[in-house]
N, C-alpha and C. Protein backbone atom coordinates (compact mmCIF):
# COMPACT_ATOMS: atom_id res chain seq x y z
N MET A 1 251.51 91.43 39.30
CA MET A 1 252.20 91.06 38.09
C MET A 1 252.32 89.79 38.00
N ALA A 2 252.23 89.38 36.87
CA ALA A 2 252.08 87.86 36.38
C ALA A 2 253.42 87.55 35.83
N SER A 3 253.91 86.40 35.77
CA SER A 3 255.37 85.80 35.13
C SER A 3 254.71 84.62 34.42
N ASP A 4 255.82 84.40 33.29
CA ASP A 4 255.33 82.72 33.04
C ASP A 4 256.40 81.75 33.67
N ILE A 5 256.24 80.55 33.47
CA ILE A 5 256.82 79.67 33.96
C ILE A 5 257.57 78.87 32.69
N ASP A 6 259.01 78.97 33.12
CA ASP A 6 259.86 78.56 31.88
C ASP A 6 260.07 76.81 31.85
N VAL A 7 259.91 76.10 30.93
CA VAL A 7 260.21 74.70 30.69
C VAL A 7 260.91 74.56 29.67
N LEU A 8 262.37 73.71 30.11
CA LEU A 8 263.10 73.53 28.99
C LEU A 8 263.00 71.80 28.93
N VAL A 9 262.59 71.47 27.46
CA VAL A 9 262.37 70.24 27.25
C VAL A 9 263.64 69.70 26.26
N VAL A 10 264.52 68.53 26.70
CA VAL A 10 265.69 68.16 26.30
C VAL A 10 265.30 66.68 25.55
N THR A 11 265.59 66.66 24.12
CA THR A 11 264.86 65.59 23.58
C THR A 11 265.55 65.47 21.96
N ARG A 12 265.70 64.32 21.37
CA ARG A 12 265.92 64.31 19.92
C ARG A 12 264.74 64.32 18.98
N GLU A 13 263.62 64.51 19.84
CA GLU A 13 262.12 64.67 18.86
C GLU A 13 262.48 66.27 18.50
N ARG A 14 261.64 66.21 17.20
CA ARG A 14 261.47 67.44 16.46
C ARG A 14 260.39 68.43 17.60
N PRO A 15 261.06 69.72 17.70
CA PRO A 15 260.40 70.53 18.46
C PRO A 15 258.62 70.61 18.49
N GLU A 16 258.64 70.73 17.06
CA GLU A 16 257.11 70.65 16.49
C GLU A 16 256.39 69.98 17.13
N VAL A 17 256.76 68.49 16.97
CA VAL A 17 256.10 67.45 17.34
C VAL A 17 255.76 67.31 19.15
N VAL A 18 256.97 68.00 19.85
CA VAL A 18 256.47 67.78 21.32
C VAL A 18 255.71 69.16 21.70
N LEU A 19 255.84 70.13 21.11
CA LEU A 19 254.99 71.54 21.61
C LEU A 19 253.74 70.83 20.84
N ASP A 20 253.31 70.52 19.81
CA ASP A 20 251.75 69.84 19.46
C ASP A 20 251.45 68.79 20.60
N ALA A 21 252.34 68.17 21.02
CA ALA A 21 252.03 67.13 22.10
C ALA A 21 251.44 67.80 23.21
N LEU A 22 252.19 68.64 23.76
CA LEU A 22 252.13 69.65 24.93
C LEU A 22 250.80 70.27 24.74
N TRP A 23 250.58 71.09 23.66
CA TRP A 23 249.57 71.74 23.33
C TRP A 23 248.02 71.06 23.47
N ARG A 24 248.39 69.81 22.80
CA ARG A 24 246.96 69.09 22.85
C ARG A 24 246.82 68.29 24.41
N ALA A 25 247.79 68.19 25.35
CA ALA A 25 247.76 67.77 26.64
C ALA A 25 247.11 68.98 27.56
N GLY A 26 247.10 69.95 27.04
CA GLY A 26 246.51 71.12 27.72
C GLY A 26 247.52 72.23 28.25
N ILE A 27 248.83 71.90 27.94
CA ILE A 27 249.89 72.82 28.59
C ILE A 27 250.10 74.24 27.46
N ARG A 28 249.41 75.27 28.25
CA ARG A 28 249.47 76.33 27.57
C ARG A 28 249.85 77.57 28.64
N ASP A 29 249.63 78.66 28.66
CA ASP A 29 249.84 79.72 29.53
C ASP A 29 249.72 79.54 30.83
N PRO A 30 250.52 79.70 31.70
CA PRO A 30 251.54 80.51 31.90
C PRO A 30 253.01 79.97 31.60
N PHE A 31 252.76 78.69 31.06
CA PHE A 31 254.23 77.93 30.63
C PHE A 31 255.00 78.58 29.41
N GLU A 32 256.22 78.61 29.17
CA GLU A 32 256.77 79.03 28.03
C GLU A 32 257.78 77.94 27.88
N VAL A 33 257.48 77.12 26.88
CA VAL A 33 258.33 75.75 26.80
C VAL A 33 259.07 75.99 25.58
N GLN A 34 260.80 75.37 26.02
CA GLN A 34 261.62 75.41 24.88
C GLN A 34 262.09 74.29 24.74
N VAL A 35 262.24 73.61 23.32
CA VAL A 35 262.54 72.22 23.29
C VAL A 35 263.96 72.36 22.47
N ILE A 36 265.00 71.62 23.09
CA ILE A 36 266.24 71.70 22.37
C ILE A 36 266.69 70.25 22.26
N LYS A 37 267.86 70.04 21.77
CA LYS A 37 268.53 68.82 21.44
C LYS A 37 269.64 68.76 22.69
N PRO A 38 269.89 67.38 22.98
CA PRO A 38 270.74 67.30 24.04
C PRO A 38 272.10 68.14 23.92
N GLU A 39 272.58 68.22 22.78
CA GLU A 39 273.79 68.86 22.27
C GLU A 39 273.79 70.14 22.65
N GLU A 40 272.73 70.88 23.03
CA GLU A 40 272.51 72.25 22.97
C GLU A 40 272.36 72.79 24.62
N LEU A 41 272.39 71.67 25.54
CA LEU A 41 272.16 71.44 26.72
C LEU A 41 273.25 72.39 27.63
N PRO A 42 274.53 72.28 27.39
CA PRO A 42 275.75 72.86 27.86
C PRO A 42 275.52 74.52 27.93
N ARG A 43 274.96 75.29 27.11
CA ARG A 43 274.86 76.57 26.83
C ARG A 43 273.87 76.81 27.97
N TYR A 44 272.84 76.27 28.08
CA TYR A 44 271.58 76.57 29.07
C TYR A 44 272.14 76.31 30.55
N ARG A 45 272.87 75.37 30.61
CA ARG A 45 273.72 75.14 32.12
C ARG A 45 274.53 76.28 32.63
N ARG A 46 275.18 76.97 31.59
CA ARG A 46 275.94 78.27 32.22
C ARG A 46 275.12 79.19 32.56
N TYR A 47 273.90 79.48 32.13
CA TYR A 47 273.33 80.53 32.32
C TYR A 47 271.83 80.42 33.24
N SER A 48 271.44 79.42 33.60
CA SER A 48 270.19 78.65 34.19
C SER A 48 270.24 77.89 35.50
N VAL A 49 269.63 78.03 36.15
CA VAL A 49 269.50 76.92 37.03
C VAL A 49 268.22 75.91 36.56
N LEU A 50 269.00 74.63 36.24
CA LEU A 50 268.13 73.41 35.87
C LEU A 50 267.62 72.49 36.77
N ARG A 51 266.58 71.91 36.66
CA ARG A 51 266.16 70.97 37.65
C ARG A 51 265.39 70.01 36.61
N ARG A 52 265.89 68.64 37.09
CA ARG A 52 265.33 67.33 36.23
C ARG A 52 264.25 66.91 36.71
N ILE A 53 263.03 66.84 35.83
CA ILE A 53 261.95 66.34 36.08
C ILE A 53 261.56 65.18 35.15
N ILE A 54 261.00 63.94 35.60
CA ILE A 54 260.91 63.02 34.90
C ILE A 54 259.51 62.49 35.07
């Protein structure tokens, strides 16, 4: 049974720009990428275990 790897990108950049750059860099399955603005982060913190990767 395979599962995806969830990645949350927090940025002020437009999501389509970030997703396009990741796609061009070869980031595809099994990664599930969500792009959000910093002000949306508290909602994710309530329901997820987050790790900061720089």
